[in-house]
C-alpha cells in the first residue's frame, strides 16, 4: 500500500539542484531550494527504495526528509514500514503513531498501522484503525480498509459486522478478491449455499485459486451433488497445494466418507 512514487527524472532533478546549491563561483545569488519539494522527493525516493528492497537507501532518504521537516507524516510512515520489515516493532509503532499524530487524516498510514496491529494479534486495536480509515470518503483504497475491517471483525467473533463490511467493500470494488472469498465462506457457514457458490464463482473469475477457495469449492459442489466439479476442485487442491491444511482436511473428509 505504498504511495504512488515520483519518476526517476525528479530524483535526478533534485540531485542537480542540490549540487548546484553548493557552487559558489561567479553566481550572483545561490539558487533557492524548495525545501518542501526536497522533503517530498526524499520521501518518495525512500518509498521507491523500500518497495524495491533497498532498505538502507530508503532509511537514508526518510531520515533526510525528517531533517527538513521533523513532523512530516509521510516520512514517519515510511520509517514505520521500514522498521516493521526490520522486525523493530516498537520503533515501527512509534513512527506509525507519529505519522497519525501529525496527520490524523492520513488514511493510508492508518490502514497500514491497522495491518501492523493485526499481525501482532491486537485485533481490537486493529479494528479501530480500519474503521477510522474506512470512514474517510476521500480515501482511494477505502474498499481495502473495509475488507480488512471485515477480516479483523471475524477474529473478534463479530460475524454480522464482518459481513456488512465485506458487502460495503464490494459496493466500492466489485471484484475485491478477499471480500468475495470471505463472503462465500460466510454464506456457506450460514447454509446459504447458492449465494456461497455465486460469490466463489465471482472470485474464481478474477483471481488465482488458493487453498481456501478450492476447499470451499469442494464442499459446495459436494452439497449440490456435482461430482465432476467436486473432483476438479479436489484435483487442483492436491496438485497445487498438496501440503496445505486444506489438503489435509480433504483427506480427512474422504477417509470419513469412505
C-alpha atoms as a PDB file:
ATOM      1  CA  UNK A   1       0.000   0.000   0.000  1.00  0.00           C
ATOM      2  CA  UNK A   2       2.790   2.311  -0.718  1.00  0.00           C
ATOM      3  CA  UNK A   3       2.063   5.745  -2.127  1.00  0.00           C
ATOM      4  CA  UNK A   4       2.493   6.483  -5.820  1.00  0.00           C
ATOM      5  CA  UNK A   5       6.159   7.208  -6.453  1.00  0.00           C
ATOM      6  CA  UNK A   6       7.872  10.049  -8.228  1.00  0.00           C
ATOM      7  CA  UNK A   7       9.624   9.299 -11.506  1.00  0.00           C
ATOM      8  CA  UNK A   8      13.433   8.897 -11.672  1.00  0.00           C
ATOM      9  CA  UNK A   9      13.543  12.230 -13.508  1.00  0.00           C
ATOM     10  CA  UNK A  10      12.629  14.060 -10.329  1.00  0.00           C
ATOM     11  CA  UNK A  11      15.372  12.263  -8.434  1.00  0.00           C
ATOM     12  CA  UNK A  12      17.909  13.475 -10.990  1.00  0.00           C
ATOM     13  CA  UNK A  13      16.420  16.935 -10.895  1.00  0.00           C
ATOM     14  CA  UNK A  14      16.741  17.089  -7.122  1.00  0.00           C
ATOM     15  CA  UNK A  15      20.344  15.906  -7.265  1.00  0.00           C
ATOM     16  CA  UNK A  16      21.256  18.590  -9.781  1.00  0.00           C
ATOM     17  CA  UNK A  17      19.563  21.253  -7.660  1.00  0.00           C
ATOM     18  CA  UNK A  18      21.387  20.159  -4.516  1.00  0.00           C
ATOM     19  CA  UNK A  19      24.744  20.027  -6.265  1.00  0.00           C
ATOM     20  CA  UNK A  20      24.065  23.379  -7.878  1.00  0.00           C
ATOM     21  CA  UNK A  21      23.409  24.837  -4.459  1.00  0.00           C
ATOM     22  CA  UNK A  22      26.962  24.012  -3.417  1.00  0.00           C
ATOM     23  CA  UNK A  23      28.552  26.018  -6.232  1.00  0.00           C
ATOM     24  CA  UNK A  24      29.708  29.498  -5.211  1.00  0.00           C
ATOM     25  CA  UNK A  25      31.736  30.516  -8.266  1.00  0.00           C
ATOM     26  CA  UNK A  26      30.555  33.513 -10.196  1.00  0.00           C
ATOM     27  CA  UNK A  27      26.855  33.126  -9.442  1.00  0.00           C
ATOM     28  CA  UNK A  28      25.274  36.363  -8.230  1.00  0.00           C
ATOM     29  CA  UNK A  29      22.973  34.518  -5.907  1.00  0.00           C
ATOM     30  CA  UNK A  30      22.726  30.942  -4.764  1.00  0.00           C
ATOM     31  CA  UNK A  31      19.747  29.176  -6.286  1.00  0.00           C
ATOM     32  CA  UNK A  32      16.979  28.882  -3.747  1.00  0.00           C
ATOM     33  CA  UNK A  33      15.976  25.327  -2.982  1.00  0.00           C
ATOM     34  CA  UNK A  34      12.352  24.481  -2.443  1.00  0.00           C
ATOM     35  CA  UNK A  35      12.676  22.657   0.865  1.00  0.00           C
ATOM     36  CA  UNK A  36       9.177  21.244   0.773  1.00  0.00           C
ATOM     37  CA  UNK A  37       9.772  19.766  -2.658  1.00  0.00           C
ATOM     38  CA  UNK A  38      13.102  18.351  -1.500  1.00  0.00           C
ATOM     39  CA  UNK A  39      11.404  16.808   1.521  1.00  0.00           C
ATOM     40  CA  UNK A  40       8.669  15.203  -0.571  1.00  0.00           C
ATOM     41  CA  UNK A  41      11.194  13.893  -3.073  1.00  0.00           C
ATOM     42  CA  UNK A  42      13.204  12.266  -0.278  1.00  0.00           C
ATOM     43  CA  UNK A  43      10.007  10.616   0.949  1.00  0.00           C
ATOM     44  CA  UNK A  44       9.065   9.322  -2.486  1.00  0.00           C
ATOM     45  CA  UNK A  45      12.578   8.068  -3.178  1.00  0.00           C
ATOM     46  CA  UNK A  46      12.551   6.354   0.195  1.00  0.00           C
ATOM     47  CA  UNK A  47       9.299   4.608  -0.686  1.00  0.00           C
ATOM     48  CA  UNK A  48      10.697   3.576  -4.032  1.00  0.00           C
ATOM     49  CA  UNK A  49      13.810   2.056  -2.492  1.00  0.00           C
ATOM     50  CA  UNK A  50      11.708   0.383   0.173  1.00  0.00           C
ATOM     51  CA  UNK A  51       9.410  -1.133  -2.429  1.00  0.00           C
ATOM     52  CA  UNK A  52      12.417  -2.470  -4.347  1.00  0.00           C
ATOM     53  CA  UNK A  53      14.155  -3.922  -1.299  1.00  0.00           C
ATOM     54  CA  UNK A  54      16.755  -1.177  -0.814  1.00  0.00           C
ATOM     55  CA  UNK A  55      16.190  -0.683   2.882  1.00  0.00           C
ATOM     56  CA  UNK A  56      19.360   1.233   3.720  1.00  0.00           C
ATOM     57  CA  UNK A  57      18.873   3.679   0.873  1.00  0.00           C
ATOM     58  CA  UNK A  58      15.257   4.070   1.945  1.00  0.00           C
ATOM     59  CA  UNK A  59      16.344   4.750   5.517  1.00  0.00           C
ATOM     60  CA  UNK A  60      18.743   7.479   4.388  1.00  0.00           C
ATOM     61  CA  UNK A  61      16.054   9.251   2.390  1.00  0.00           C
ATOM     62  CA  UNK A  62      13.449   9.074   5.149  1.00  0.00           C
ATOM     63  CA  UNK A  63      15.930  10.442   7.684  1.00  0.00           C
ATOM     64  CA  UNK A  64      16.940  13.218   5.295  1.00  0.00           C
ATOM     65  CA  UNK A  65      13.265  14.074   4.919  1.00  0.00           C
ATOM     66  CA  UNK A  66      12.918  14.354   8.689  1.00  0.00           C
ATOM     67  CA  UNK A  67      15.899  16.715   8.798  1.00  0.00           C
ATOM     68  CA  UNK A  68      13.889  19.010   6.531  1.00  0.00           C
ATOM     69  CA  UNK A  69      10.655  18.524   8.438  1.00  0.00           C
ATOM     70  CA  UNK A  70      10.709  16.514  11.649  1.00  0.00           C
ATOM     71  CA  UNK A  71       6.916  16.389  11.799  1.00  0.00           C
ATOM     72  CA  UNK A  72       6.394  15.147   8.267  1.00  0.00           C
ATOM     73  CA  UNK A  73       3.816  12.321   8.486  1.00  0.00           C
ATOM     74  CA  UNK A  74       4.852  10.678   5.209  1.00  0.00           C
ATOM     75  CA  UNK A  75       8.456  10.309   6.359  1.00  0.00           C
ATOM     76  CA  UNK A  76       7.360   8.798   9.674  1.00  0.00           C
ATOM     77  CA  UNK A  77       5.029   6.453   7.794  1.00  0.00           C
ATOM     78  CA  UNK A  78       7.898   5.331   5.575  1.00  0.00           C
ATOM     79  CA  UNK A  79      10.117   4.673   8.589  1.00  0.00           C
ATOM     80  CA  UNK A  80       7.288   2.757  10.243  1.00  0.00           C
ATOM     81  CA  UNK A  81       7.067   0.424   7.247  1.00  0.00           C
ATOM     82  CA  UNK A  82      10.847   0.085   7.147  1.00  0.00           C
ATOM     83  CA  UNK A  83      11.237  -0.781  10.820  1.00  0.00           C
ATOM     84  CA  UNK A  84       8.306  -3.169  10.572  1.00  0.00           C
ATOM     85  CA  UNK A  85      10.215  -5.026   7.842  1.00  0.00           C
ATOM     86  CA  UNK A  86      13.323  -4.978  10.036  1.00  0.00           C
ATOM     87  CA  UNK A  87      11.389  -6.560  12.903  1.00  0.00           C
ATOM     88  CA  UNK A  88      11.903  -3.495  15.105  1.00  0.00           C
ATOM     89  CA  UNK A  89       8.267  -3.467  16.147  1.00  0.00           C
ATOM     90  CA  UNK A  90       8.418  -0.930  18.980  1.00  0.00           C
ATOM     91  CA  UNK A  91      10.244   1.563  16.786  1.00  0.00           C
ATOM     92  CA  UNK A  92       7.842   0.907  13.919  1.00  0.00           C
ATOM     93  CA  UNK A  93       4.837   1.551  16.123  1.00  0.00           C
ATOM     94  CA  UNK A  94       6.295   4.803  17.417  1.00  0.00           C
ATOM     95  CA  UNK A  95       6.616   6.061  13.843  1.00  0.00           C
ATOM     96  CA  UNK A  96       3.093   4.932  12.940  1.00  0.00           C
ATOM     97  CA  UNK A  97       1.809   6.901  15.924  1.00  0.00           C
ATOM     98  CA  UNK A  98       3.830   9.971  14.960  1.00  0.00           C
ATOM     99  CA  UNK A  99       2.546   9.830  11.391  1.00  0.00           C
ATOM    100  CA  UNK A 100      -1.034   9.805  12.666  1.00  0.00           C
ATOM    101  CA  UNK A 101      -0.358  12.407  15.352  1.00  0.00           C
ATOM    102  CA  UNK A 102       0.917  14.842  12.739  1.00  0.00           C
ATOM    103  CA  UNK A 103      -1.865  13.989  10.266  1.00  0.00           C
ATOM    104  CA  UNK A 104      -4.904  12.287  11.759  1.00  0.00           C
ATOM    105  CA  UNK A 105      -6.487  12.111   8.277  1.00  0.00           C
ATOM    106  CA  UNK A 106      -3.603  10.074   6.817  1.00  0.00           C
ATOM    107  CA  UNK A 107      -5.742   7.038   5.983  1.00  0.00           C
ATOM    108  CA  UNK A 108      -3.016   5.086   4.201  1.00  0.00           C
ATOM    109  CA  UNK A 109      -0.864   5.208   7.333  1.00  0.00           C
ATOM    110  CA  UNK A 110      -3.886   4.306   9.436  1.00  0.00           C
ATOM    111  CA  UNK A 111      -4.619   1.271   7.258  1.00  0.00           C
ATOM    112  CA  UNK A 112      -1.004   0.119   7.411  1.00  0.00           C
ATOM    113  CA  UNK A 113      -0.976   0.658  11.170  1.00  0.00           C
ATOM    114  CA  UNK A 114      -4.092  -1.490  11.379  1.00  0.00           C
ATOM    115  CA  UNK A 115      -2.335  -4.223   9.404  1.00  0.00           C
ATOM    116  CA  UNK A 116       0.642  -3.920  11.761  1.00  0.00           C
ATOM    117  CA  UNK A 117      -1.627  -4.342  14.786  1.00  0.00           C
ATOM    118  CA  UNK A 118      -3.407  -7.270  13.152  1.00  0.00           C
ATOM    119  CA  UNK A 119      -0.083  -9.053  12.692  1.00  0.00           C
ATOM    120  CA  UNK A 120       0.560  -8.579  16.412  1.00  0.00           C
ATOM    121  CA  UNK A 121      -2.879 -10.152  17.085  1.00  0.00           C
ATOM    122  CA  UNK A 122      -4.048  -6.886  18.646  1.00  0.00           C
ATOM    123  CA  UNK A 123      -7.365  -7.272  16.906  1.00  0.00           C
ATOM    124  CA  UNK A 124      -9.438  -4.741  18.845  1.00  0.00           C
ATOM    125  CA  UNK A 125      -6.856  -2.017  18.211  1.00  0.00           C
ATOM    126  CA  UNK A 126      -6.580  -3.008  14.552  1.00  0.00           C
ATOM    127  CA  UNK A 127     -10.350  -2.910  14.148  1.00  0.00           C
ATOM    128  CA  UNK A 128     -10.423   0.684  15.391  1.00  0.00           C
ATOM    129  CA  UNK A 129      -7.808   1.759  12.848  1.00  0.00           C
ATOM    130  CA  UNK A 130      -9.552   0.021   9.938  1.00  0.00           C
ATOM    131  CA  UNK A 131     -12.880   1.512  10.975  1.00  0.00           C
ATOM    132  CA  UNK A 132     -11.491   5.039  11.014  1.00  0.00           C
ATOM    133  CA  UNK A 133      -9.779   4.568   7.644  1.00  0.00           C
ATOM    134  CA  UNK A 134     -12.965   3.158   6.126  1.00  0.00           C
ATOM    135  CA  UNK A 135     -14.889   6.252   7.217  1.00  0.00           C
ATOM    136  CA  UNK A 136     -12.665   8.502   5.088  1.00  0.00           C
ATOM    137  CA  UNK A 137     -14.776   9.019   1.973  1.00  0.00           C
ATOM    138  CA  UNK A 138     -11.806  10.542   0.126  1.00  0.00           C
ATOM    139  CA  UNK A 139      -9.526   7.531   0.685  1.00  0.00           C
ATOM    140  CA  UNK A 140      -8.845   5.824  -2.638  1.00  0.00           C
ATOM    141  CA  UNK A 141      -8.318   2.404  -1.052  1.00  0.00           C
ATOM    142  CA  UNK A 142     -11.334   2.530   1.198  1.00  0.00           C
ATOM    143  CA  UNK A 143     -12.553  -0.853  -0.068  1.00  0.00           C
ATOM    144  CA  UNK A 144      -9.376  -2.469   1.277  1.00  0.00           C
ATOM    145  CA  UNK A 145      -9.848  -0.814   4.651  1.00  0.00           C
ATOM    146  CA  UNK A 146     -13.385  -2.226   4.760  1.00  0.00           C
ATOM    147  CA  UNK A 147     -12.181  -5.697   3.771  1.00  0.00           C
ATOM    148  CA  UNK A 148      -9.518  -5.556   6.472  1.00  0.00           C
ATOM    149  CA  UNK A 149     -12.173  -4.426   8.933  1.00  0.00           C
ATOM    150  CA  UNK A 150     -14.229  -7.481   7.987  1.00  0.00           C
ATOM    151  CA  UNK A 151     -11.299  -9.842   8.415  1.00  0.00           C
ATOM    152  CA  UNK A 152     -10.489  -8.382  11.816  1.00  0.00           C
ATOM    153  CA  UNK A 153     -14.124  -8.406  12.920  1.00  0.00           C
ATOM    154  CA  UNK A 154     -14.217 -12.151  12.230  1.00  0.00           C
ATOM    155  CA  UNK A 155     -11.233 -12.624  14.549  1.00  0.00           C
ATOM    156  CA  UNK A 156     -13.302 -10.936  17.251  1.00  0.00           C
ATOM    157  CA  UNK A 157     -16.392 -13.026  16.528  1.00  0.00           C
ATOM    158  CA  UNK A 158     -18.304 -10.101  15.035  1.00  0.00           C
ATOM    159  CA  UNK A 159     -19.789 -12.048  12.116  1.00  0.00           C
ATOM    160  CA  UNK A 160     -22.600  -9.634  11.289  1.00  0.00           C
ATOM    161  CA  UNK A 161     -20.248  -6.645  11.293  1.00  0.00           C
ATOM    162  CA  UNK A 162     -17.806  -8.555   9.103  1.00  0.00           C
ATOM    163  CA  UNK A 163     -20.465  -9.436   6.542  1.00  0.00           C
ATOM    164  CA  UNK A 164     -21.650  -5.838   6.412  1.00  0.00           C
ATOM    165  CA  UNK A 165     -18.092  -4.579   5.906  1.00  0.00           C
ATOM    166  CA  UNK A 166     -17.391  -7.052   3.106  1.00  0.00           C
ATOM    167  CA  UNK A 167     -20.645  -6.101   1.382  1.00  0.00           C
ATOM    168  CA  UNK A 168     -19.732  -2.411   1.585  1.00  0.00           C
ATOM    169  CA  UNK A 169     -16.266  -3.211   0.234  1.00  0.00           C
ATOM    170  CA  UNK A 170     -17.792  -4.915  -2.807  1.00  0.00           C
ATOM    171  CA  UNK A 171     -20.046  -1.916  -3.396  1.00  0.00           C
ATOM    172  CA  UNK A 172     -16.851   0.108  -3.867  1.00  0.00           C
ATOM    173  CA  UNK A 173     -14.811  -2.588  -5.621  1.00  0.00           C
ATOM    174  CA  UNK A 174     -16.977  -5.341  -7.101  1.00  0.00           C
ATOM    175  CA  UNK A 175     -14.030  -7.651  -7.791  1.00  0.00           C
ATOM    176  CA  UNK A 176     -12.166  -7.397  -4.494  1.00  0.00           C
ATOM    177  CA  UNK A 177     -10.909 -10.982  -4.002  1.00  0.00           C
ATOM    178  CA  UNK A 178     -10.730 -11.038  -0.211  1.00  0.00           C
ATOM    179  CA  UNK A 179     -14.289  -9.773   0.184  1.00  0.00           C
ATOM    180  CA  UNK A 180     -15.691 -12.219  -2.391  1.00  0.00           C
ATOM    181  CA  UNK A 181     -13.991 -15.227  -0.837  1.00  0.00           C
ATOM    182  CA  UNK A 182     -14.838 -14.333   2.741  1.00  0.00           C
ATOM    183  CA  UNK A 183     -18.477 -13.659   1.861  1.00  0.00           C
ATOM    184  CA  UNK A 184     -18.591 -17.040   0.129  1.00  0.00           C
ATOM    185  CA  UNK A 185     -17.338 -18.635   3.360  1.00  0.00           C
ATOM    186  CA  UNK A 186     -19.829 -16.714   5.481  1.00  0.00           C
ATOM    187  CA  UNK A 187     -22.743 -17.670   3.238  1.00  0.00           C
ATOM    188  CA  UNK A 188     -21.645 -21.311   3.288  1.00  0.00           C
ATOM    189  CA  UNK A 189     -21.448 -21.314   7.081  1.00  0.00           C
ATOM    190  CA  UNK A 190     -24.946 -19.806   7.183  1.00  0.00           C
ATOM    191  CA  UNK A 191     -26.295 -22.573   4.946  1.00  0.00           C
ATOM    192  CA  UNK A 192     -26.907 -20.186   2.043  1.00  0.00           C
ATOM    193  CA  UNK A 193     -25.162 -22.440  -0.464  1.00  0.00           C
ATOM    194  CA  UNK A 194     -26.408 -20.852  -3.690  1.00  0.00           C
ATOM    195  CA  UNK A 195     -25.131 -17.443  -2.615  1.00  0.00           C
ATOM    196  CA  UNK A 196     -21.877 -19.013  -1.459  1.00  0.00           C
ATOM    197  CA  UNK A 197     -21.393 -20.526  -4.904  1.00  0.00           C
ATOM    198  CA  UNK A 198     -22.130 -17.228  -6.636  1.00  0.00           C
ATOM    199  CA  UNK A 199     -19.532 -15.379  -4.577  1.00  0.00           C
ATOM    200  CA  UNK A 200     -16.996 -18.163  -5.109  1.00  0.00           C
ATOM    201  CA  UNK A 201     -17.586 -18.171  -8.867  1.00  0.00           C
ATOM    202  CA  UNK A 202     -17.044 -14.410  -8.949  1.00  0.00           C
ATOM    203  CA  UNK A 203     -13.816 -14.872  -7.010  1.00  0.00           C
ATOM    204  CA  UNK A 204     -12.604 -17.542  -9.456  1.00  0.00           C
ATOM    205  CA  UNK A 205     -13.329 -15.331 -12.468  1.00  0.00           C
ATOM    206  CA  UNK A 206     -10.729 -12.768 -11.498  1.00  0.00           C
ATOM    207  CA  UNK A 207      -8.343 -14.431  -9.043  1.00  0.00           C
ATOM    208  CA  UNK A 208      -5.995 -17.369  -8.840  1.00  0.00           C
ATOM    209  CA  UNK A 209      -7.349 -20.253  -6.814  1.00  0.00           C
ATOM    210  CA  UNK A 210      -5.943 -20.581  -3.302  1.00  0.00           C
ATOM    211  CA  UNK A 211      -6.320 -23.480  -0.848  1.00  0.00           C
ATOM    212  CA  UNK A 212      -9.232 -21.792   0.918  1.00  0.00           C
ATOM    213  CA  UNK A 213     -11.201 -21.289  -2.306  1.00  0.00           C
ATOM    214  CA  UNK A 214     -10.552 -24.822  -3.576  1.00  0.00           C
ATOM    215  CA  UNK A 215     -11.584 -26.396  -0.279  1.00  0.00           C
ATOM    216  CA  UNK A 216     -14.725 -24.297  -0.209  1.00  0.00           C
ATOM    217  CA  UNK A 217     -15.468 -25.284  -3.803  1.00  0.00           C
ATOM    218  CA  UNK A 218     -15.168 -28.967  -2.896  1.00  0.00           C
ATOM    219  CA  UNK A 219     -17.678 -28.605  -0.083  1.00  0.00           C
ATOM    220  CA  UNK A 220     -20.139 -26.547  -2.122  1.00  0.00           C
ATOM    221  CA  UNK A 221     -20.138 -28.941  -5.081  1.00  0.00           C
ATOM    222  CA  UNK A 222     -20.447 -31.902  -2.732  1.00  0.00           C
ATOM    223  CA  UNK A 223     -23.628 -30.410  -1.293  1.00  0.00           C
ATOM    224  CA  UNK A 224     -25.071 -29.857  -4.775  1.00  0.00           C
ATOM    225  CA  UNK A 225     -24.059 -33.361  -5.850  1.00  0.00           C
ATOM    226  CA  UNK A 226     -21.849 -32.145  -8.689  1.00  0.00           C
ATOM    227  CA  UNK A 227     -19.260 -34.913  -8.539  1.00  0.00           C
ATOM    228  CA  UNK A 228     -17.299 -33.828 -11.609  1.00  0.00           C
ATOM    229  CA  UNK A 229     -16.814 -30.289 -10.329  1.00  0.00           C
ATOM    230  CA  UNK A 230     -16.010 -31.589  -6.847  1.00  0.00           C
ATOM    231  CA  UNK A 231     -13.298 -33.849  -8.284  1.00  0.00           C
ATOM    232  CA  UNK A 232     -11.940 -30.960 -10.345  1.00  0.00           C
ATOM    233  CA  UNK A 233     -11.545 -28.800  -7.243  1.00  0.00           C
ATOM    234  CA  UNK A 234     -10.013 -31.718  -5.341  1.00  0.00           C
ATOM    235  CA  UNK A 235      -7.501 -32.466  -8.083  1.00  0.00           C
ATOM    236  CA  UNK A 236      -6.427 -28.826  -8.202  1.00  0.00           C
ATOM    237  CA  UNK A 237      -6.044 -28.741  -4.417  1.00  0.00           C
ATOM    238  CA  UNK A 238      -3.911 -31.899  -4.370  1.00  0.00           C
ATOM    239  CA  UNK A 239      -1.743 -30.810  -7.292  1.00  0.00           C
ATOM    240  CA  UNK A 240      -1.270 -27.141  -6.447  1.00  0.00           C
ATOM    241  CA  UNK A 241      -1.252 -27.219  -2.649  1.00  0.00           C
ATOM    242  CA  UNK A 242      -0.505 -30.807  -1.545  1.00  0.00           C
ATOM    243  CA  UNK A 243       0.895 -29.739   1.840  1.00  0.00           C
ATOM    244  CA  UNK A 244      -1.783 -27.210   2.748  1.00  0.00           C
ATOM    245  CA  UNK A 245      -4.064 -27.509   5.757  1.00  0.00           C
ATOM    246  CA  UNK A 246      -6.990 -27.649   3.335  1.00  0.00           C
ATOM    247  CA  UNK A 247      -5.497 -30.664   1.545  1.00  0.00           C
ATOM    248  CA  UNK A 248      -5.336 -32.457   4.896  1.00  0.00           C
ATOM    249  CA  UNK A 249      -8.956 -31.552   5.589  1.00  0.00           C
ATOM    250  CA  UNK A 250      -9.951 -33.031   2.242  1.00  0.00           C
ATOM    251  CA  UNK A 251      -8.095 -36.265   3.017  1.00  0.00           C
ATOM    252  CA  UNK A 252      -9.840 -36.461   6.375  1.00  0.00           C
ATOM    253  CA  UNK A 253     -13.212 -35.912   4.706  1.00  0.00           C
ATOM    254  CA  UNK A 254     -12.542 -38.650   2.168  1.00  0.00           C
ATOM    255  CA  UNK A 255     -11.420 -41.061   4.897  1.00  0.00           C
ATOM    256  CA  UNK A 256     -14.576 -40.310   6.865  1.00  0.00           C
ATOM    257  CA  UNK A 257     -16.805 -40.729   3.810  1.00  0.00           C
ATOM    258  CA  UNK A 258     -15.048 -43.926   2.770  1.00  0.00           C
END
